[in-house]
Amino acid sequence: MADLFTTVQEKVAGKGVKIVFPEGLDERILKAVNDLAGNNVLKPILVGNEQEIKDKANGLNLTLEGVDIYDPHTYEGMEDLVQAFVERRKGKATEEQARQILLDENYFGTMLVYKGLADGLVSGAAHSTADTVRPALQIIKTKEGVKKTSGVFIMARGDEQYVFADCAINIAPDSQDLAEIAIESANTAKMFNIDPRVAMLSFSTKGSAKSDETEKVANAVAIAKEKAPELTLDGEFQFDAAFVPSVAEKKAPDSVIKGDANVFVFPSLEAGNIGYKIAQRLGNFEAVGPILQGLNMPVNDLSRGCNAEDVYNLALITAVQAL
């Protein structure tokens, strides 16, 4: 894992990437931001009352040198943000409502990203996933050709690195959703120097069982291959057929995936969430994420149980996405 983040840090250091952290009074955020600025990795922006943030930092013996602090109540460019928000929401908010909404730190931070005043956002240490993701979906929105955002984990153990998706957002993805998730997950893998070999998972391998669930995955494979023919991608696979060469040889001898998949697309959120946690707790993999993909600009969600190192690492990932 150290190698992964060393590589990521080398990619982003000194590039001047600006990441906004809406939770400016959270101790973990303050510690991470202080280190990110001190190591000249990126340019952090904290959201909140400047005096309160500085007092809290002083109490933690942090200098916050090189860190910008924006207070929505006194921010000089607020009127520009209000107008842009009203325009973006297309009649769903008046100017008066926009002024009130943008006092919320997550909405304010997301508008900074939308307007290009920051390159990405990291939140969720003290907010729910919904509080972090909702402003992103309303303001930044998904990329052209992508219907839904999704959440992946980089699973790392020593030299091993895999991508698991979707483990965070879509409860019951359909075939179209799964195809999108597969393509976006392959793109995420490339950001971390993982050459993607994508397996679409099920409880069946290449028609060994027939049901609506297995057909959904088989259809997703066909859609993904049509949309991204250059990808090394196949399915539907049971996990062992995707991961163990000897099993792949027996169950799917003609597949381009030879038991060497490194990007795993689960058929449902239930399966993905259980799968990554089994790998994390029984397999001693470190789970980095969820990394949100499919948005026009990067917004990422911390776990409320995170520590300062988690904040630092997710900021690095967000910066890589921004580049």
Protein backbone atom coordinates (compact mmCIF):
# COMPACT_ATOMS: atom_id res chain seq x y z
CA MET A 1 0.00 0.00 0.00
CA ALA A 2 2.91 2.31 0.75
CA ASP A 3 4.09 1.78 -2.83
CA LEU A 4 0.67 2.69 -4.24
CA PHE A 5 0.50 5.98 -2.36
CA THR A 6 4.17 6.81 -2.99
CA THR A 7 3.47 6.50 -6.73
CA VAL A 8 0.29 8.57 -6.43
CA GLN A 9 2.03 11.27 -4.40
CA GLU A 10 4.84 11.51 -6.97
CA LYS A 11 2.22 11.97 -9.70
CA VAL A 12 0.46 14.91 -8.00
CA ALA A 13 3.21 16.65 -5.98
CA GLY A 14 3.98 20.18 -7.08
CA LYS A 15 1.18 20.23 -9.71
CA GLY A 16 -0.76 22.86 -7.74
CA VAL A 17 -3.93 20.75 -7.52
CA LYS A 18 -6.49 22.46 -5.26
CA ILE A 19 -8.66 20.21 -3.10
CA VAL A 20 -11.46 21.60 -0.94
CA PHE A 21 -12.27 20.11 2.48
CA PRO A 22 -15.69 21.30 3.71
CA GLU A 23 -15.17 19.94 7.25
CA GLY A 24 -12.71 22.61 8.36
CA LEU A 25 -13.10 22.04 12.11
CA ASP A 26 -12.56 18.28 12.09
CA GLU A 27 -9.31 17.34 13.83
CA ARG A 28 -8.49 14.56 11.33
CA ILE A 29 -9.03 16.90 8.39
CA LEU A 30 -6.84 19.59 9.97
CA LYS A 31 -3.97 17.17 10.58
CA ALA A 32 -4.11 15.75 7.05
CA VAL A 33 -4.41 19.17 5.41
CA ASN A 34 -1.49 20.51 7.43
CA ASP A 35 0.68 17.62 6.17
CA LEU A 36 -0.53 17.88 2.56
CA ALA A 37 0.39 21.58 2.47
CA GLY A 38 3.60 21.07 4.44
CA ASN A 39 4.78 18.35 2.03
CA ASN A 40 3.89 20.58 -0.96
CA VAL A 41 1.68 17.78 -2.31
CA LEU A 42 -1.37 19.91 -3.13
CA LYS A 43 -3.10 23.18 -2.24
CA PRO A 44 -5.79 22.57 0.42
CA ILE A 45 -8.85 24.79 0.90
CA LEU A 46 -10.71 24.52 4.22
CA VAL A 47 -14.31 25.68 4.58
CA GLY A 48 -15.47 27.35 7.79
CA ASN A 49 -14.97 30.29 10.12
CA GLU A 50 -11.32 31.35 9.81
CA GLN A 51 -10.82 32.27 13.47
CA GLU A 52 -12.45 29.08 14.75
CA ILE A 53 -10.33 26.96 12.39
CA LYS A 54 -7.10 28.75 13.37
CA ASP A 55 -7.90 28.43 17.08
CA LYS A 56 -8.55 24.70 16.67
CA ALA A 57 -5.32 24.30 14.65
CA ASN A 58 -3.31 26.18 17.29
CA GLY A 59 -4.67 23.84 19.94
CA LEU A 60 -3.34 20.93 17.87
CA ASN A 61 0.04 22.65 17.26
CA LEU A 62 -0.66 22.90 13.52
CA THR A 63 0.49 25.92 11.50
CA LEU A 64 -1.83 25.47 8.46
CA GLU A 65 0.84 27.27 6.42
CA GLY A 66 -0.09 27.16 2.73
CA VAL A 67 -3.74 26.38 3.49
CA ASP A 68 -6.56 28.68 2.28
CA ILE A 69 -9.67 29.13 4.44
CA TYR A 70 -12.98 30.19 2.87
CA ASP A 71 -15.97 31.14 5.02
CA PRO A 72 -19.31 30.94 3.13
CA HIS A 73 -20.66 33.77 5.34
CA THR A 74 -17.95 36.22 4.22
CA TYR A 75 -16.76 34.80 0.88
CA GLU A 76 -16.30 37.66 -1.62
CA GLY A 77 -17.35 35.61 -4.63
CA MET A 78 -20.59 34.36 -3.11
CA GLU A 79 -22.86 36.27 -5.53
CA ASP A 80 -21.15 34.60 -8.50
CA LEU A 81 -21.69 31.20 -6.87
CA VAL A 82 -25.35 32.01 -6.17
CA GLN A 83 -25.99 32.98 -9.80
CA ALA A 84 -24.17 29.89 -11.09
CA PHE A 85 -26.12 27.65 -8.70
CA VAL A 86 -29.50 29.09 -9.77
CA GLU A 87 -28.54 28.58 -13.41
CA ARG A 88 -27.29 25.03 -12.80
CA ARG A 89 -30.43 24.01 -10.91
CA LYS A 90 -32.61 25.28 -13.78
CA GLY A 91 -35.52 26.74 -11.84
CA LYS A 92 -35.30 24.37 -8.85
CA ALA A 93 -33.91 27.11 -6.57
CA THR A 94 -34.51 30.86 -6.31
CA GLU A 95 -31.65 33.27 -5.57
CA GLU A 96 -32.82 33.53 -1.98
CA GLN A 97 -32.90 29.75 -1.60
CA ALA A 98 -29.47 29.47 -3.27
CA ARG A 99 -27.93 31.91 -0.78
CA GLN A 100 -29.23 29.76 2.08
CA ILE A 101 -28.21 26.44 0.48
CA LEU A 102 -24.67 27.66 -0.24
CA LEU A 103 -24.09 28.38 3.46
CA ASP A 104 -23.98 24.57 3.77
CA GLU A 105 -20.27 23.68 3.60
CA ASN A 106 -20.72 20.70 1.23
CA TYR A 107 -22.80 22.70 -1.25
CA PHE A 108 -20.37 25.62 -0.99
CA GLY A 109 -17.35 23.36 -1.53
CA THR A 110 -19.00 21.58 -4.46
CA MET A 111 -19.74 24.94 -6.12
CA LEU A 112 -16.04 25.86 -5.79
CA VAL A 113 -15.22 22.69 -7.73
CA TYR A 114 -17.95 23.34 -10.32
CA LYS A 115 -16.65 26.87 -10.94
CA GLY A 116 -13.05 25.67 -11.28
CA LEU A 117 -11.91 27.38 -8.06
CA ALA A 118 -10.95 23.94 -6.72
CA ASP A 119 -10.08 20.76 -8.61
CA GLY A 120 -11.81 18.26 -6.33
CA LEU A 121 -13.54 17.78 -2.97
CA VAL A 122 -13.06 15.41 -0.02
CA SER A 123 -15.78 15.21 2.65
CA GLY A 124 -17.56 12.65 4.81
CA ALA A 125 -15.46 12.59 8.01
CA ALA A 126 -18.40 14.17 9.82
CA HIS A 127 -21.13 13.90 7.16
CA SER A 128 -23.12 11.00 5.69
CA THR A 129 -22.43 9.72 2.17
CA ALA A 130 -25.73 11.31 1.07
CA ASP A 131 -24.59 14.74 2.36
CA THR A 132 -21.40 14.45 0.31
CA VAL A 133 -22.81 12.89 -2.86
CA ARG A 134 -26.12 14.79 -3.22
CA PRO A 135 -24.52 18.21 -3.99
CA ALA A 136 -22.15 16.52 -6.46
CA LEU A 137 -25.03 14.86 -8.33
CA GLN A 138 -27.03 18.11 -8.40
CA ILE A 139 -24.18 20.43 -9.40
CA ILE A 140 -21.26 18.56 -10.96
CA LYS A 141 -23.37 15.73 -12.42
CA THR A 142 -22.24 12.62 -14.26
CA LYS A 143 -20.07 12.61 -17.37
CA GLU A 144 -21.68 12.47 -20.80
CA GLY A 145 -22.66 8.91 -21.59
CA VAL A 146 -22.69 7.90 -17.91
CA LYS A 147 -26.08 7.59 -16.24
CA LYS A 148 -24.96 6.94 -12.68
CA THR A 149 -22.00 7.48 -10.42
CA SER A 150 -20.52 4.40 -8.75
CA GLY A 151 -18.10 3.62 -5.93
CA VAL A 152 -14.96 1.49 -6.19
CA PHE A 153 -12.38 0.28 -3.69
CA ILE A 154 -8.72 -0.26 -4.44
CA MET A 155 -7.89 -3.46 -2.54
CA ALA A 156 -4.19 -3.65 -1.73
CA ARG A 157 -2.01 -6.20 0.06
CA GLY A 158 1.74 -5.98 -0.48
CA ASP A 159 2.33 -5.93 -4.24
CA GLU A 160 -1.23 -7.07 -5.01
CA GLN A 161 -3.74 -4.43 -6.16
CA TYR A 162 -7.30 -5.01 -7.34
CA VAL A 163 -10.35 -2.86 -8.10
CA PHE A 164 -13.75 -3.89 -6.64
CA ALA A 165 -16.95 -2.22 -7.92
CA ASP A 166 -19.66 -1.13 -7.16
CA CYS A 167 -19.35 -1.48 -3.40
CA ALA A 168 -20.89 1.81 -2.31
CA ILE A 169 -23.64 3.41 -4.39
CA ASN A 170 -25.97 1.40 -6.68
CA ILE A 171 -28.13 -1.14 -4.86
CA ALA A 172 -29.51 -3.08 -7.84
CA PRO A 173 -27.70 -2.08 -11.05
CA ASP A 174 -29.21 -3.25 -14.34
CA SER A 175 -27.19 -4.53 -17.32
CA GLN A 176 -26.60 -1.03 -18.67
CA ASP A 177 -25.43 0.17 -15.24
CA LEU A 178 -23.06 -2.79 -14.83
CA ALA A 179 -21.52 -2.16 -18.25
CA GLU A 180 -20.94 1.50 -17.33
CA ILE A 181 -19.47 0.51 -13.96
CA ALA A 182 -17.09 -1.93 -15.68
CA ILE A 183 -15.81 0.68 -18.14
CA GLU A 184 -15.43 3.40 -15.50
CA SER A 185 -13.69 0.95 -13.14
CA ALA A 186 -11.19 0.09 -15.87
CA ASN A 187 -10.46 3.81 -16.27
CA THR A 188 -9.97 4.12 -12.50
CA ALA A 189 -7.58 1.16 -12.54
CA LYS A 190 -5.43 2.88 -15.18
CA MET A 191 -5.03 5.94 -12.91
CA PHE A 192 -3.22 3.67 -10.44
CA ASN A 193 -1.04 1.99 -13.07
CA ILE A 194 -3.18 -1.17 -12.99
CA ASP A 195 -3.56 -2.61 -16.51
CA PRO A 196 -7.26 -3.51 -16.31
CA ARG A 197 -8.45 -7.08 -16.84
CA VAL A 198 -12.16 -6.91 -16.04
CA ALA A 199 -14.29 -9.78 -14.74
CA MET A 200 -18.06 -9.43 -14.47
CA LEU A 201 -19.03 -11.63 -11.50
CA SER A 202 -22.02 -13.87 -10.87
CA PHE A 203 -22.82 -17.25 -9.28
CA SER A 204 -22.50 -18.77 -12.76
CA THR A 205 -19.61 -19.11 -15.23
CA LYS A 206 -20.42 -18.79 -18.92
CA GLY A 207 -23.98 -20.06 -18.65
CA SER A 208 -23.38 -22.83 -16.09
CA ALA A 209 -26.58 -21.62 -14.39
CA LYS A 210 -29.52 -19.79 -15.96
CA SER A 211 -31.57 -17.16 -14.15
CA ASP A 212 -32.58 -13.52 -14.47
CA GLU A 213 -29.54 -12.62 -12.33
CA THR A 214 -27.04 -14.44 -14.55
CA GLU A 215 -28.67 -13.13 -17.74
CA LYS A 216 -28.34 -9.59 -16.38
CA VAL A 217 -24.57 -10.02 -16.06
CA ALA A 218 -24.22 -11.78 -19.45
CA ASN A 219 -26.08 -8.89 -21.09
CA ALA A 220 -23.84 -6.39 -19.27
CA VAL A 221 -20.77 -8.14 -20.71
CA ALA A 222 -22.18 -7.79 -24.25
CA ILE A 223 -22.98 -4.08 -23.72
CA ALA A 224 -19.54 -3.33 -22.24
CA LYS A 225 -17.75 -5.14 -25.10
CA GLU A 226 -19.74 -3.12 -27.63
CA LYS A 227 -19.06 0.20 -25.85
CA ALA A 228 -15.38 -0.47 -25.14
CA PRO A 229 -14.11 -3.20 -27.50
CA GLU A 230 -10.50 -2.36 -26.62
CA LEU A 231 -10.97 -3.52 -23.00
CA THR A 232 -9.85 -6.94 -21.79
CA LEU A 233 -13.22 -7.87 -20.27
CA ASP A 234 -15.36 -10.98 -19.97
CA GLY A 235 -17.97 -12.82 -17.92
CA GLU A 236 -20.16 -13.92 -16.45
CA PHE A 237 -17.73 -15.56 -13.99
CA GLN A 238 -17.82 -17.10 -10.58
CA PHE A 239 -15.01 -15.53 -8.59
CA ASP A 240 -12.76 -18.59 -8.74
CA ALA A 241 -13.02 -18.75 -12.54
CA ALA A 242 -11.97 -15.09 -12.72
CA PHE A 243 -9.10 -15.41 -10.26
CA VAL A 244 -7.63 -18.94 -10.29
CA PRO A 245 -5.90 -19.94 -13.57
CA SER A 246 -6.50 -23.70 -13.09
CA VAL A 247 -10.24 -23.11 -12.49
CA ALA A 248 -10.44 -20.70 -15.44
CA GLU A 249 -8.90 -23.34 -17.70
CA LYS A 250 -11.66 -25.81 -16.77
CA LYS A 251 -14.65 -23.45 -16.60
CA ALA A 252 -13.86 -20.83 -19.29
CA PRO A 253 -11.03 -22.15 -21.50
CA ASP A 254 -11.83 -19.81 -24.40
CA SER A 255 -12.00 -16.59 -22.37
CA VAL A 256 -9.55 -13.66 -22.65
CA ILE A 257 -9.54 -13.69 -18.82
CA LYS A 258 -7.32 -16.61 -17.79
CA GLY A 259 -7.84 -16.49 -14.04
CA ASP A 260 -5.87 -13.23 -14.06
CA ALA A 261 -8.58 -10.60 -13.56
CA ASN A 262 -7.71 -7.54 -11.46
CA VAL A 263 -10.94 -5.51 -11.81
CA PHE A 264 -14.00 -7.24 -10.37
CA VAL A 265 -17.52 -5.96 -11.08
CA PHE A 266 -20.08 -7.34 -8.62
CA PRO A 267 -23.69 -7.91 -9.75
CA SER A 268 -25.22 -5.94 -6.87
CA LEU A 269 -24.28 -3.61 -4.02
CA GLU A 270 -25.08 -6.41 -1.58
CA ALA A 271 -22.48 -8.69 -3.19
CA GLY A 272 -19.89 -5.92 -3.62
CA ASN A 273 -20.15 -4.62 -0.08
CA ILE A 274 -19.91 -8.12 1.41
CA GLY A 275 -17.09 -9.06 -0.97
CA TYR A 276 -14.78 -6.16 -0.20
CA LYS A 277 -15.32 -6.52 3.54
CA ILE A 278 -14.50 -10.25 3.45
CA ALA A 279 -11.27 -9.46 1.55
CA GLN A 280 -10.49 -6.69 4.05
CA ARG A 281 -11.21 -8.62 7.26
CA LEU A 282 -10.32 -12.21 6.34
CA GLY A 283 -7.74 -11.53 3.63
CA ASN A 284 -6.01 -8.59 5.37
CA PHE A 285 -6.37 -6.39 2.30
CA GLU A 286 -6.40 -2.64 2.82
CA ALA A 287 -9.54 -1.15 1.28
CA VAL A 288 -9.05 2.37 -0.11
CA GLY A 289 -12.27 4.15 -0.95
CA PRO A 290 -14.99 4.41 -1.84
CA ILE A 291 -13.61 6.30 -4.82
CA LEU A 292 -16.53 7.87 -6.68
CA GLN A 293 -16.38 7.55 -10.45
CA GLY A 294 -18.49 8.76 -13.35
CA LEU A 295 -18.69 12.42 -12.21
CA ASN A 296 -17.50 15.33 -14.34
CA MET A 297 -15.11 16.40 -11.56
CA PRO A 298 -13.84 14.41 -8.57
CA VAL A 299 -15.73 14.33 -5.29
CA ASN A 300 -14.85 11.63 -2.75
CA ASP A 301 -16.48 10.40 0.41
CA LEU A 302 -14.59 9.52 3.61
CA SER A 303 -15.82 7.02 6.17
CA ARG A 304 -16.91 8.68 9.40
CA GLY A 305 -14.54 6.25 11.13
CA CYS A 306 -11.56 7.54 9.13
CA ASN A 307 -8.25 8.73 10.56
CA ALA A 308 -5.93 11.52 9.36
CA GLU A 309 -3.96 9.08 7.17
CA ASP A 310 -7.19 8.03 5.39
CA VAL A 311 -7.96 11.71 4.70
CA TYR A 312 -4.43 12.27 3.34
CA ASN A 313 -4.64 9.23 1.07
CA LEU A 314 -8.13 9.99 -0.28
CA ALA A 315 -6.97 13.55 -1.03
CA LEU A 316 -4.11 12.07 -3.08
CA ILE A 317 -6.56 9.88 -5.00
CA THR A 318 -8.86 12.87 -5.62
CA ALA A 319 -5.88 14.86 -6.93
CA VAL A 320 -4.97 12.03 -9.34
CA GLN A 321 -8.56 11.99 -10.62
CA ALA A 322 -8.38 15.76 -11.11
CA LEU A 323 -5.24 15.43 -13.24
